[in-house]
Every structure is written in C-alpha cells, then in structure tokens.
C-alpha cells in the first residue's frame, strides 16, 4: 500500500472504539457488500440516492477498484479476535477530469455513526486529496440528511450550498495542511 501515498493508521472514536483506516483494495469488494447490507435503508438511501436492497456487483467492483490518485477511497475497518475484518466506514473522492476538484462521498455503518468516524474519514481524505493536487471538494446531499449537513457545518466545510433539483449541491475549498 506504499504506492497509495497513505500510511494505514488506527484512530480512536469518541467512545474509545479503535478502527483501522487504510486505502481500499480490490479484495474489499465482498466487504463492501457486507457493509452496505449492514446499513439501514435510510443510510443506504442517503449514500446512493436509491433504496438498494443489495449493492450491485458492478458498482461494488467500481467502488473497490481505484487508481489512488484521481479516484481514492479510504475504509475504516474493525477486526475482532476470531472474526474477519469488517468495513464500518468509507470515504472516497473522484476527481473531475483535468481539474483540482473532486466529488466526495462518505458512508458509515449505522452502529458507528455519531462517534466521530465520518469527520475523521473526511478530514483524512481531505489531506490525501491535497497531496494529490485537489483543492476543492463537491458533494450532493439530500435535504433530509441533516446528519451530513450538520457534520459539514461543524467541520466548517459548508461555504457554498445551493438547493437545486431537490438536493444540496455543496462545494468547499480544502483547508491547507
């Protein structure tokens, strides 16, 4: 994973739970299926804007295979003794071709929400993106997704948000390292 420019690390959440954060790898595809299956319908809808019952194989493949520059994703995992690794959060960006702008998406399994994982993933992803020449993040958020809107406000990352077509189109400059 050295070629990704990101050193895996362990972070401690607000309740002292430790999660491992690392770049996604193609072998994570089955773990992505399991992570989405562990999310509530509401969480899945907020992330994919669709009531997916199961993550389609082609989408899981596209999400798991990145180039670690223009397309990058971090996963937060847990690994209990005697159990296999489990993805509990994902943060990713996809660069708009030939720009310094990238669209981001974040999803956290419900039982790990409201514990600081989303903000830790977004902050870490922002640092990785800056290292790869990205200066602006954009994202689309449903107005009902007050948790994400609140998180962005708390992080000071809502600078421009316009309601268009029933969704918030948000963009913000990444802070300097």
Foldseek 3Di string as FASTA:
>chain_A
DVVLVDDWDWDAWQVRDIWIKDWAAQVCLVLVQVQLCLADQVLNCQQVVDSDNTDDSVNSNVLRDDPSAQKTKMFIWDDDVPDDIHTFKMKIWHHDPPDLETEITIGGRVVCPPGCPRVVRVLVVLVSSVVNRRFKYKYKGAPVPVVVVVSCVVVVFFDDWDQDPRITIGMGTRDDD
